[in-house]
Amino acid sequence: MSGDDQCRVVHVGGEMDIDRAPMLRDALLAAITWQGGPDEIVVDLSDLSFCDSSGLTALIHAQRTAAEHGRRVVLRTPPPQVRRLLEMTGADALFPIIES
């Protein structure tokens, strides 16, 4: 995790599957609920090689939790496989997506 007063960046790499999704969920929850933290949590997906439905569920859960805390989750540079997953499920409408 990194960031400044404007945003907190959570870097995600490798394969995001059922074994690793709980770690992502915990990291995002910590970033979102951090007292006095920034309003924007950027999830940098540029080093992610694979994401299954459990990883997608962790991202969606984070977006809902962020909304409850008056914050938002932004996805940065999702690779093609992740972008397709977001589009096929309609989850792309839930997240601002930026390229770096």
Protein backbone atom coordinates (compact mmCIF):
# COMPACT_ATOMS: atom_id res chain seq x y z
CA MET A 1 0.00 0.00 0.00
CA SER A 2 1.16 3.50 -0.72
CA GLY A 3 -0.35 6.90 -1.21
CA ASP A 4 -0.62 10.44 0.02
CA ASP A 5 -3.29 12.81 1.32
CA GLN A 6 -5.21 12.56 -1.97
CA CYS A 7 -5.46 8.79 -2.38
CA ARG A 8 -4.30 5.45 -1.05
CA VAL A 9 -2.91 2.99 -3.59
CA VAL A 10 -3.26 -0.77 -3.15
CA HIS A 11 -1.01 -2.71 -5.54
CA VAL A 12 -2.29 -6.11 -6.68
CA GLY A 13 -0.17 -8.56 -8.65
CA GLY A 14 0.04 -12.18 -9.67
CA GLU A 15 -3.10 -14.32 -9.67
CA MET A 16 -6.17 -13.29 -7.73
CA ASP A 17 -8.13 -16.43 -6.95
CA ILE A 18 -10.01 -18.00 -4.06
CA ASP A 19 -6.79 -18.49 -2.08
CA ARG A 20 -5.63 -14.87 -2.35
CA ALA A 21 -8.94 -12.97 -2.44
CA PRO A 22 -9.20 -12.79 1.38
CA MET A 23 -5.84 -10.95 1.49
CA LEU A 24 -7.13 -8.45 -1.07
CA ARG A 25 -10.38 -8.02 0.82
CA ASP A 26 -8.49 -7.36 4.07
CA ALA A 27 -6.06 -4.90 2.46
CA LEU A 28 -8.90 -2.97 0.84
CA LEU A 29 -10.94 -2.94 4.03
CA ALA A 30 -7.97 -1.53 5.94
CA ALA A 31 -7.45 1.18 3.33
CA ILE A 32 -11.14 2.09 3.23
CA THR A 33 -11.73 2.18 6.98
CA TRP A 34 -8.42 3.88 7.86
CA GLN A 35 -9.44 6.76 10.15
CA GLY A 36 -8.63 10.08 8.52
CA GLY A 37 -7.59 8.38 5.29
CA PRO A 38 -8.16 9.79 1.81
CA ASP A 39 -11.49 9.63 0.02
CA GLU A 40 -10.09 7.67 -2.91
CA ILE A 41 -8.60 4.19 -2.86
CA VAL A 42 -6.82 3.29 -6.10
CA VAL A 43 -6.43 -0.42 -6.81
CA ASP A 44 -3.44 -0.76 -9.13
CA LEU A 45 -4.09 -3.88 -11.21
CA SER A 46 -1.26 -3.41 -13.70
CA ASP A 47 0.67 -6.43 -12.37
CA LEU A 48 -2.37 -8.72 -12.06
CA SER A 49 -2.12 -11.70 -14.41
CA PHE A 50 -5.42 -13.42 -13.54
CA CYS A 51 -8.59 -12.71 -11.58
CA ASP A 52 -11.49 -15.06 -10.92
CA SER A 53 -14.92 -14.41 -9.43
CA SER A 54 -13.59 -14.40 -5.86
CA GLY A 55 -11.24 -11.54 -6.72
CA LEU A 56 -14.08 -9.70 -8.44
CA THR A 57 -16.27 -10.24 -5.37
CA ALA A 58 -13.55 -8.71 -3.17
CA LEU A 59 -13.44 -5.64 -5.42
CA ILE A 60 -17.22 -5.25 -5.45
CA HIS A 61 -17.38 -5.67 -1.67
CA ALA A 62 -14.70 -2.98 -1.34
CA GLN A 63 -16.66 -0.58 -3.55
CA ARG A 64 -19.80 -1.06 -1.45
CA THR A 65 -17.89 -0.63 1.81
CA ALA A 66 -16.18 2.48 0.43
CA ALA A 67 -19.56 3.98 -0.49
CA GLU A 68 -20.79 3.37 3.06
CA HIS A 69 -17.75 5.33 4.32
CA GLY A 70 -18.11 8.17 1.82
CA ARG A 71 -15.13 6.98 -0.20
CA ARG A 72 -14.62 5.42 -3.60
CA VAL A 73 -12.55 2.68 -5.16
CA VAL A 74 -10.86 3.35 -8.50
CA LEU A 75 -9.30 0.61 -10.63
CA ARG A 76 -6.00 1.49 -12.31
CA THR A 77 -4.78 -0.24 -15.46
CA PRO A 78 -6.75 -3.49 -15.38
CA PRO A 79 -5.18 -6.02 -17.79
CA PRO A 80 -7.30 -7.35 -20.67
CA GLN A 81 -8.50 -10.49 -18.81
CA VAL A 82 -9.69 -8.43 -15.86
CA ARG A 83 -11.29 -5.81 -18.10
CA ARG A 84 -13.22 -8.59 -19.89
CA LEU A 85 -14.35 -10.01 -16.54
CA LEU A 86 -15.56 -6.58 -15.45
CA GLU A 87 -17.40 -6.02 -18.74
CA MET A 88 -18.97 -9.49 -18.90
CA THR A 89 -20.37 -9.16 -15.39
CA GLY A 90 -21.38 -5.50 -15.70
CA ALA A 91 -19.07 -4.63 -12.81
CA ASP A 92 -17.26 -2.10 -15.01
CA ALA A 93 -20.21 0.23 -14.33
CA LEU A 94 -19.42 0.14 -10.60
CA PHE A 95 -15.85 1.44 -10.86
CA PRO A 96 -14.08 4.41 -12.32
CA ILE A 97 -11.25 2.93 -14.40
CA ILE A 98 -8.08 4.86 -15.11
CA GLU A 99 -4.98 4.10 -17.15
CA SER A 100 -1.58 5.17 -15.88
